[in-house]
Amino acid sequence: GELHGAAAVANQFVGRAQATQTALVNGSVGVVVAPYG
């Protein structure tokens, strides 16, 4: 359920952030994942 460390986390996202965009998430900068909106 949790991963620690930059390398382990980077491995989870490399090449896998399609259909994403920055947005305000609960008032802070975050990301929405929304294929075809």
PDB file of all heavy atoms in Angstrom:
ATOM      1  N   GLY A   1       0.808  -1.209   0.000  1.00  0.00           N
ATOM      2  CA  GLY A   1       0.000   0.000   0.000  1.00  0.00           C
ATOM      3  C   GLY A   1       0.840   1.257   0.000  1.00  0.00           C
ATOM      4  O   GLY A   1       0.390   2.316  -0.431  1.00  0.00           O
ATOM      5  N   GLU A   2       2.083   1.134   0.475  1.00  0.00           N
ATOM      6  CA  GLU A   2       2.994   2.273   0.496  1.00  0.00           C
ATOM      7  C   GLU A   2       4.325   1.879  -0.126  1.00  0.00           C
ATOM      8  O   GLU A   2       4.797   0.753   0.047  1.00  0.00           O
ATOM      9  CB  GLU A   2       3.244   2.768   1.927  1.00  0.00           C
ATOM     10  CG  GLU A   2       2.099   3.544   2.533  1.00  0.00           C
ATOM     11  CD  GLU A   2       2.509   4.264   3.821  1.00  0.00           C
ATOM     12  OE1 GLU A   2       3.727   4.268   4.149  1.00  0.00           O
ATOM     13  OE2 GLU A   2       1.625   4.821   4.490  1.00  0.00           O
ATOM     14  N   LEU A   3       4.912   2.831  -0.847  1.00  0.00           N
ATOM     15  CA  LEU A   3       6.256   2.659  -1.388  1.00  0.00           C
ATOM     16  C   LEU A   3       7.103   3.816  -0.887  1.00  0.00           C
ATOM     17  O   LEU A   3       6.635   4.959  -0.803  1.00  0.00           O
ATOM     18  CB  LEU A   3       6.242   2.641  -2.913  1.00  0.00           C
ATOM     19  CG  LEU A   3       5.547   1.453  -3.584  1.00  0.00           C
ATOM     20  CD1 LEU A   3       5.546   1.646  -5.091  1.00  0.00           C
ATOM     21  CD2 LEU A   3       6.234   0.144  -3.214  1.00  0.00           C
ATOM     22  N   HIS A   4       8.372   3.544  -0.570  1.00  0.00           N
ATOM     23  CA  HIS A   4       9.261   4.557  -0.017  1.00  0.00           C
ATOM     24  C   HIS A   4      10.516   4.677  -0.878  1.00  0.00           C
ATOM     25  O   HIS A   4      11.036   3.691  -1.384  1.00  0.00           O
ATOM     26  CB  HIS A   4       9.661   4.191   1.417  1.00  0.00           C
ATOM     27  CG  HIS A   4       8.510   4.158   2.369  1.00  0.00           C
ATOM     28  ND1 HIS A   4       8.234   5.193   3.243  1.00  0.00           N
ATOM     29  CD2 HIS A   4       7.550   3.224   2.586  1.00  0.00           C
ATOM     30  CE1 HIS A   4       7.162   4.895   3.953  1.00  0.00           C
ATOM     31  NE2 HIS A   4       6.729   3.691   3.584  1.00  0.00           N
ATOM     32  N   GLY A   5      10.966   5.916  -1.038  1.00  0.00           N
ATOM     33  CA  GLY A   5      12.204   6.157  -1.766  1.00  0.00           C
ATOM     34  C   GLY A   5      11.966   6.595  -3.194  1.00  0.00           C
ATOM     35  O   GLY A   5      11.032   6.147  -3.860  1.00  0.00           O
ATOM     36  N   ALA A   6      12.825   7.493  -3.666  1.00  0.00           N
ATOM     37  CA  ALA A   6      12.641   8.099  -4.990  1.00  0.00           C
ATOM     38  C   ALA A   6      12.669   7.072  -6.111  1.00  0.00           C
ATOM     39  O   ALA A   6      11.870   7.136  -7.049  1.00  0.00           O
ATOM     40  CB  ALA A   6      13.711   9.166  -5.214  1.00  0.00           C
ATOM     41  N   ALA A   7      13.587   6.121  -6.056  1.00  0.00           N
ATOM     42  CA  ALA A   7      13.699   5.141  -7.140  1.00  0.00           C
ATOM     43  C   ALA A   7      12.449   4.278  -7.236  1.00  0.00           C
ATOM     44  O   ALA A   7      11.919   4.033  -8.328  1.00  0.00           O
ATOM     45  CB  ALA A   7      14.941   4.279  -6.946  1.00  0.00           C
ATOM     46  N   ALA A   8      11.969   3.806  -6.074  1.00  0.00           N
ATOM     47  CA  ALA A   8      10.784   2.940  -6.077  1.00  0.00           C
ATOM     48  C   ALA A   8       9.558   3.687  -6.586  1.00  0.00           C
ATOM     49  O   ALA A   8       8.761   3.149  -7.355  1.00  0.00           O
ATOM     50  CB  ALA A   8      10.526   2.409  -4.663  1.00  0.00           C
ATOM     51  N   VAL A   9       9.419   4.951  -6.164  1.00  0.00           N
ATOM     52  CA  VAL A   9       8.261   5.738  -6.597  1.00  0.00           C
ATOM     53  C   VAL A   9       8.381   6.095  -8.072  1.00  0.00           C
ATOM     54  O   VAL A   9       7.401   6.009  -8.828  1.00  0.00           O
ATOM     55  CB  VAL A   9       8.118   7.006  -5.724  1.00  0.00           C
ATOM     56  CG1 VAL A   9       7.029   7.924  -6.285  1.00  0.00           C
ATOM     57  CG2 VAL A   9       7.797   6.629  -4.287  1.00  0.00           C
ATOM     58  N   ALA A  10       9.565   6.475  -8.514  1.00  0.00           N
ATOM     59  CA  ALA A  10       9.762   6.819  -9.921  1.00  0.00           C
ATOM     60  C   ALA A  10       9.405   5.646 -10.822  1.00  0.00           C
ATOM     61  O   ALA A  10       8.804   5.817 -11.888  1.00  0.00           O
ATOM     62  CB  ALA A  10      11.203   7.257 -10.157  1.00  0.00           C
ATOM     63  N   ASN A  11       9.754   4.441 -10.400  1.00  0.00           N
ATOM     64  CA  ASN A  11       9.434   3.245 -11.188  1.00  0.00           C
ATOM     65  C   ASN A  11       7.940   3.068 -11.396  1.00  0.00           C
ATOM     66  O   ASN A  11       7.503   2.492 -12.399  1.00  0.00           O
ATOM     67  CB  ASN A  11      10.008   1.993 -10.510  1.00  0.00           C
ATOM     68  CG  ASN A  11      11.433   1.720 -10.930  1.00  0.00           C
ATOM     69  OD1 ASN A  11      11.792   1.932 -12.083  1.00  0.00           O
ATOM     70  ND2 ASN A  11      12.252   1.265  -9.986  1.00  0.00           N
ATOM     71  N   GLN A  12       7.139   3.548 -10.455  1.00  0.00           N
ATOM     72  CA  GLN A  12       5.688   3.414 -10.564  1.00  0.00           C
ATOM     73  C   GLN A  12       5.088   4.363 -11.596  1.00  0.00           C
ATOM     74  O   GLN A  12       3.994   4.123 -12.103  1.00  0.00           O
ATOM     75  CB  GLN A  12       5.036   3.676  -9.198  1.00  0.00           C
ATOM     76  CG  GLN A  12       5.358   2.648  -8.150  1.00  0.00           C
ATOM     77  CD  GLN A  12       4.894   1.251  -8.561  1.00  0.00           C
ATOM     78  OE1 GLN A  12       3.725   1.033  -8.872  1.00  0.00           O
ATOM     79  NE2 GLN A  12       5.822   0.308  -8.564  1.00  0.00           N
ATOM     80  N   PHE A  13       5.788   5.458 -11.887  1.00  0.00           N
ATOM     81  CA  PHE A  13       5.206   6.472 -12.758  1.00  0.00           C
ATOM     82  C   PHE A  13       5.892   6.623 -14.116  1.00  0.00           C
ATOM     83  O   PHE A  13       5.299   7.203 -15.031  1.00  0.00           O
ATOM     84  CB  PHE A  13       5.226   7.833 -12.048  1.00  0.00           C
ATOM     85  CG  PHE A  13       4.276   7.921 -10.887  1.00  0.00           C
ATOM     86  CD1 PHE A  13       4.733   7.797  -9.584  1.00  0.00           C
ATOM     87  CD2 PHE A  13       2.915   8.111 -11.095  1.00  0.00           C
ATOM     88  CE1 PHE A  13       3.860   7.862  -8.512  1.00  0.00           C
ATOM     89  CE2 PHE A  13       2.030   8.176 -10.034  1.00  0.00           C
ATOM     90  CZ  PHE A  13       2.502   8.057  -8.734  1.00  0.00           C
ATOM     91  N   VAL A  14       7.089   6.128 -14.262  1.00  0.00           N
ATOM     92  CA  VAL A  14       7.815   6.351 -15.508  1.00  0.00           C
ATOM     93  C   VAL A  14       7.039   5.756 -16.685  1.00  0.00           C
ATOM     94  O   VAL A  14       6.676   4.583 -16.697  1.00  0.00           O
ATOM     95  CB  VAL A  14       9.252   5.774 -15.414  1.00  0.00           C
ATOM     96  CG1 VAL A  14       9.245   4.248 -15.295  1.00  0.00           C
ATOM     97  CG2 VAL A  14      10.088   6.233 -16.600  1.00  0.00           C
ATOM     98  N   GLY A  15       6.725   6.602 -17.652  1.00  0.00           N
ATOM     99  CA  GLY A  15       5.966   6.184 -18.825  1.00  0.00           C
ATOM    100  C   GLY A  15       4.498   5.940 -18.578  1.00  0.00           C
ATOM    101  O   GLY A  15       3.793   5.423 -19.445  1.00  0.00           O
ATOM    102  N   ARG A  16       3.969   6.339 -17.394  1.00  0.00           N
ATOM    103  CA  ARG A  16       2.597   5.970 -17.035  1.00  0.00           C
ATOM    104  C   ARG A  16       1.733   7.158 -16.600  1.00  0.00           C
ATOM    105  O   ARG A  16       0.825   6.982 -15.798  1.00  0.00           O
ATOM    106  CB  ARG A  16       2.617   4.964 -15.882  1.00  0.00           C
ATOM    107  CG  ARG A  16       3.311   3.660 -16.217  1.00  0.00           C
ATOM    108  CD  ARG A  16       3.319   2.735 -15.015  1.00  0.00           C
ATOM    109  NE  ARG A  16       4.070   1.518 -15.282  1.00  0.00           N
ATOM    110  CZ  ARG A  16       4.312   0.590 -14.383  1.00  0.00           C
ATOM    111  NH1 ARG A  16       3.867   0.733 -13.135  1.00  0.00           N
ATOM    112  NH2 ARG A  16       5.002  -0.498 -14.697  1.00  0.00           N
ATOM    113  N   ALA A  17       1.991   8.321 -17.096  1.00  0.00           N
ATOM    114  CA  ALA A  17       1.194   9.479 -16.652  1.00  0.00           C
ATOM    115  C   ALA A  17       0.392  10.088 -17.797  1.00  0.00           C
ATOM    116  O   ALA A  17       0.222  11.300 -17.877  1.00  0.00           O
ATOM    117  CB  ALA A  17       2.089  10.529 -16.012  1.00  0.00           C
ATOM    118  N   GLN A  18      -0.115   9.241 -18.685  1.00  0.00           N
ATOM    119  CA  GLN A  18      -0.961   9.740 -19.762  1.00  0.00           C
ATOM    120  C   GLN A  18      -2.315  10.149 -19.172  1.00  0.00           C
ATOM    121  O   GLN A  18      -2.705   9.716 -18.101  1.00  0.00           O
ATOM    122  CB  GLN A  18      -1.145   8.664 -20.835  1.00  0.00           C
ATOM    123  CG  GLN A  18       0.157   8.048 -21.330  1.00  0.00           C
ATOM    124  CD  GLN A  18       1.195   9.069 -21.767  1.00  0.00           C
ATOM    125  OE1 GLN A  18       0.868  10.049 -22.438  1.00  0.00           O
ATOM    126  NE2 GLN A  18       2.448   8.850 -21.393  1.00  0.00           N
ATOM    127  N   ALA A  19      -3.027  10.984 -19.889  1.00  0.00           N
ATOM    128  CA  ALA A  19      -4.372  11.427 -19.477  1.00  0.00           C
ATOM    129  C   ALA A  19      -4.367  12.063 -18.093  1.00  0.00           C
ATOM    130  O   ALA A  19      -5.256  11.848 -17.287  1.00  0.00           O
ATOM    131  CB  ALA A  19      -5.370  10.270 -19.531  1.00  0.00           C
ATOM    132  N   THR A  20      -3.314  12.839 -17.820  1.00  0.00           N
ATOM    133  CA  THR A  20      -3.218  13.537 -16.545  1.00  0.00           C
ATOM    134  C   THR A  20      -3.075  15.036 -16.773  1.00  0.00           C
ATOM    135  O   THR A  20      -2.620  15.477 -17.828  1.00  0.00           O
ATOM    136  CB  THR A  20      -2.007  13.055 -15.723  1.00  0.00           C
ATOM    137  OG1 THR A  20      -0.806  13.286 -16.486  1.00  0.00           O
ATOM    138  CG2 THR A  20      -2.116  11.588 -15.376  1.00  0.00           C
ATOM    139  N   GLN A  21      -3.464  15.805 -15.764  1.00  0.00           N
ATOM    140  CA  GLN A  21      -3.298  17.259 -15.827  1.00  0.00           C
ATOM    141  C   GLN A  21      -3.277  17.815 -14.413  1.00  0.00           C
ATOM    142  O   GLN A  21      -3.924  17.280 -13.506  1.00  0.00           O
ATOM    143  CB  GLN A  21      -4.441  17.914 -16.615  1.00  0.00           C
ATOM    144  CG  GLN A  21      -4.223  19.402 -16.868  1.00  0.00           C
ATOM    145  CD  GLN A  21      -5.328  19.993 -17.740  1.00  0.00           C
ATOM    146  OE1 GLN A  21      -6.389  19.434 -17.907  1.00  0.00           O
ATOM    147  NE2 GLN A  21      -5.068  21.164 -18.305  1.00  0.00           N
ATOM    148  N   THR A  22      -2.498  18.882 -14.230  1.00  0.00           N
ATOM    149  CA  THR A  22      -2.487  19.533 -12.917  1.00  0.00           C
ATOM    150  C   THR A  22      -3.837  20.180 -12.648  1.00  0.00           C
ATOM    151  O   THR A  22      -4.528  20.634 -13.554  1.00  0.00           O
ATOM    152  CB  THR A  22      -1.389  20.608 -12.844  1.00  0.00           C
ATOM    153  OG1 THR A  22      -1.552  21.518 -13.934  1.00  0.00           O
ATOM    154  CG2 THR A  22      -0.013  19.988 -12.877  1.00  0.00           C
ATOM    155  N   ALA A  23      -4.202  20.218 -11.368  1.00  0.00           N
ATOM    156  CA  ALA A  23      -5.449  20.840 -10.925  1.00  0.00           C
ATOM    157  C   ALA A  23      -5.308  21.147  -9.447  1.00  0.00           C
ATOM    158  O   ALA A  23      -4.355  20.706  -8.792  1.00  0.00           O
ATOM    159  CB  ALA A  23      -6.637  19.896 -11.156  1.00  0.00           C
ATOM    160  N   LEU A  24      -6.239  21.943  -8.933  1.00  0.00           N
ATOM    161  CA  LEU A  24      -6.296  22.131  -7.491  1.00  0.00           C
ATOM    162  C   LEU A  24      -7.025  20.933  -6.886  1.00  0.00           C
ATOM    163  O   LEU A  24      -8.168  20.656  -7.245  1.00  0.00           O
ATOM    164  CB  LEU A  24      -7.022  23.422  -7.130  1.00  0.00           C
ATOM    165  CG  LEU A  24      -6.232  24.723  -7.258  1.00  0.00           C
ATOM    166  CD1 LEU A  24      -7.139  25.912  -6.962  1.00  0.00           C
ATOM    167  CD2 LEU A  24      -5.023  24.727  -6.315  1.00  0.00           C
ATOM    168  N   VAL A  25      -6.357  20.233  -5.999  1.00  0.00           N
ATOM    169  CA  VAL A  25      -6.930  19.070  -5.316  1.00  0.00           C
ATOM    170  C   VAL A  25      -7.014  19.428  -3.841  1.00  0.00           C
ATOM    171  O   VAL A  25      -5.986  19.552  -3.172  1.00  0.00           O
ATOM    172  CB  VAL A  25      -6.071  17.807  -5.535  1.00  0.00           C
ATOM    173  CG1 VAL A  25      -6.644  16.636  -4.744  1.00  0.00           C
ATOM    174  CG2 VAL A  25      -5.978  17.475  -7.024  1.00  0.00           C
ATOM    175  N   ASN A  26      -8.240  19.647  -3.371  1.00  0.00           N
ATOM    176  CA  ASN A  26      -8.448  20.077  -1.984  1.00  0.00           C
ATOM    177  C   ASN A  26      -7.610  21.315  -1.656  1.00  0.00           C
ATOM    178  O   ASN A  26      -7.039  21.441  -0.562  1.00  0.00           O
ATOM    179  CB  ASN A  26      -8.140  18.947  -1.006  1.00  0.00           C
ATOM    180  CG  ASN A  26      -9.136  17.810  -1.109  1.00  0.00           C
ATOM    181  OD1 ASN A  26     -10.303  18.014  -1.447  1.00  0.00           O
ATOM    182  ND2 ASN A  26      -8.684  16.591  -0.840  1.00  0.00           N
ATOM    183  N   GLY A  27      -7.537  22.234  -2.614  1.00  0.00           N
ATOM    184  CA  GLY A  27      -6.889  23.518  -2.381  1.00  0.00           C
ATOM    185  C   GLY A  27      -5.408  23.582  -2.662  1.00  0.00           C
ATOM    186  O   GLY A  27      -4.803  24.656  -2.588  1.00  0.00           O
ATOM    187  N   SER A  28      -4.777  22.451  -2.980  1.00  0.00           N
ATOM    188  CA  SER A  28      -3.342  22.424  -3.281  1.00  0.00           C
ATOM    189  C   SER A  28      -3.130  21.864  -4.679  1.00  0.00           C
ATOM    190  O   SER A  28      -3.997  21.185  -5.227  1.00  0.00           O
ATOM    191  CB  SER A  28      -2.593  21.570  -2.250  1.00  0.00           C
ATOM    192  OG  SER A  28      -2.758  22.080  -0.949  1.00  0.00           O
ATOM    193  N   VAL A  29      -1.946  22.106  -5.234  1.00  0.00           N
ATOM    194  CA  VAL A  29      -1.659  21.619  -6.578  1.00  0.00           C
ATOM    195  C   VAL A  29      -1.533  20.100  -6.551  1.00  0.00           C
ATOM    196  O   VAL A  29      -0.745  19.537  -5.786  1.00  0.00           O
ATOM    197  CB  VAL A  29      -0.372  22.240  -7.134  1.00  0.00           C
ATOM    198  CG1 VAL A  29      -0.091  21.696  -8.545  1.00  0.00           C
ATOM    199  CG2 VAL A  29      -0.472  23.763  -7.171  1.00  0.00           C
ATOM    200  N   GLY A  30      -2.334  19.458  -7.369  1.00  0.00           N
ATOM    201  CA  GLY A  30      -2.299  18.009  -7.494  1.00  0.00           C
ATOM    202  C   GLY A  30      -2.536  17.617  -8.929  1.00  0.00           C
ATOM    203  O   GLY A  30      -2.285  18.393  -9.852  1.00  0.00           O
ATOM    204  N   VAL A  31      -3.044  16.411  -9.138  1.00  0.00           N
ATOM    205  CA  VAL A  31      -3.191  15.869 -10.485  1.00  0.00           C
ATOM    206  C   VAL A  31      -4.534  15.163 -10.613  1.00  0.00           C
ATOM    207  O   VAL A  31      -4.952  14.444  -9.691  1.00  0.00           O
ATOM    208  CB  VAL A  31      -2.059  14.856 -10.788  1.00  0.00           C
ATOM    209  CG1 VAL A  31      -2.219  14.253 -12.185  1.00  0.00           C
ATOM    210  CG2 VAL A  31      -0.687  15.522 -10.652  1.00  0.00           C
ATOM    211  N   VAL A  32      -5.199  15.368 -11.756  1.00  0.00           N
ATOM    212  CA  VAL A  32      -6.373  14.558 -12.083  1.00  0.00           C
ATOM    213  C   VAL A  32      -5.972  13.566 -13.154  1.00  0.00           C
ATOM    214  O   VAL A  32      -5.187  13.868 -14.053  1.00  0.00           O
ATOM    215  CB  VAL A  32      -7.568  15.410 -12.574  1.00  0.00           C
ATOM    216  CG1 VAL A  32      -8.112  16.278 -11.459  1.00  0.00           C
ATOM    217  CG2 VAL A  32      -7.204  16.263 -13.785  1.00  0.00           C
ATOM    218  N   VAL A  33      -6.505  12.366 -13.054  1.00  0.00           N
ATOM    219  CA  VAL A  33      -6.301  11.308 -14.054  1.00  0.00           C
ATOM    220  C   VAL A  33      -7.659  11.086 -14.704  1.00  0.00           C
ATOM    221  O   VAL A  33      -8.598  10.625 -14.051  1.00  0.00           O
ATOM    222  CB  VAL A  33      -5.793  10.009 -13.411  1.00  0.00           C
ATOM    223  CG1 VAL A  33      -5.459   8.971 -14.491  1.00  0.00           C
ATOM    224  CG2 VAL A  33      -4.594  10.277 -12.517  1.00  0.00           C
ATOM    225  N   ALA A  34      -7.752  11.425 -15.989  1.00  0.00           N
ATOM    226  CA  ALA A  34      -9.081  11.434 -16.611  1.00  0.00           C
ATOM    227  C   ALA A  34      -9.012  11.100 -18.098  1.00  0.00           C
ATOM    228  O   ALA A  34      -9.055  11.991 -18.946  1.00  0.00           O
ATOM    229  CB  ALA A  34      -9.736  12.810 -16.415  1.00  0.00           C
ATOM    230  N   PRO A  35      -8.904   9.815 -18.453  1.00  0.00           N
ATOM    231  CA  PRO A  35      -8.937   9.447 -19.880  1.00  0.00           C
ATOM    232  C   PRO A  35     -10.231   9.931 -20.521  1.00  0.00           C
ATOM    233  O   PRO A  35     -11.320   9.730 -19.981  1.00  0.00           O
ATOM    234  CB  PRO A  35      -8.874   7.919 -19.848  1.00  0.00           C
ATOM    235  CG  PRO A  35      -8.286   7.582 -18.510  1.00  0.00           C
ATOM    236  CD  PRO A  35      -8.766   8.641 -17.575  1.00  0.00           C
ATOM    237  N   TYR A  36     -10.110  10.589 -21.667  1.00  0.00           N
ATOM    238  CA  TYR A  36     -11.255  11.149 -22.381  1.00  0.00           C
ATOM    239  C   TYR A  36     -12.103  12.062 -21.490  1.00  0.00           C
ATOM    240  O   TYR A  36     -13.305  12.216 -21.678  1.00  0.00           O
ATOM    241  CB  TYR A  36     -12.133  10.040 -22.965  1.00  0.00           C
ATOM    242  CG  TYR A  36     -11.429   9.209 -24.007  1.00  0.00           C
ATOM    243  CD1 TYR A  36     -10.945   7.939 -23.693  1.00  0.00           C
ATOM    244  CD2 TYR A  36     -11.237   9.700 -25.298  1.00  0.00           C
ATOM    245  CE1 TYR A  36     -10.277   7.181 -24.643  1.00  0.00           C
ATOM    246  CE2 TYR A  36     -10.564   8.939 -26.246  1.00  0.00           C
ATOM    247  CZ  TYR A  36     -10.092   7.687 -25.918  1.00  0.00           C
ATOM    248  OH  TYR A  36      -9.434   6.934 -26.867  1.00  0.00           O
ATOM    249  N   GLY A  37     -11.466  12.678 -20.495  1.00  0.00           N
ATOM    250  CA  GLY A  37     -12.182  13.593 -19.627  1.00  0.00           C
ATOM    251  C   GLY A  37     -13.013  12.936 -18.549  1.00  0.00           C
ATOM    252  O   GLY A  37     -13.731  13.615 -17.820  1.00  0.00           O
TER     253      GLY A  37
END
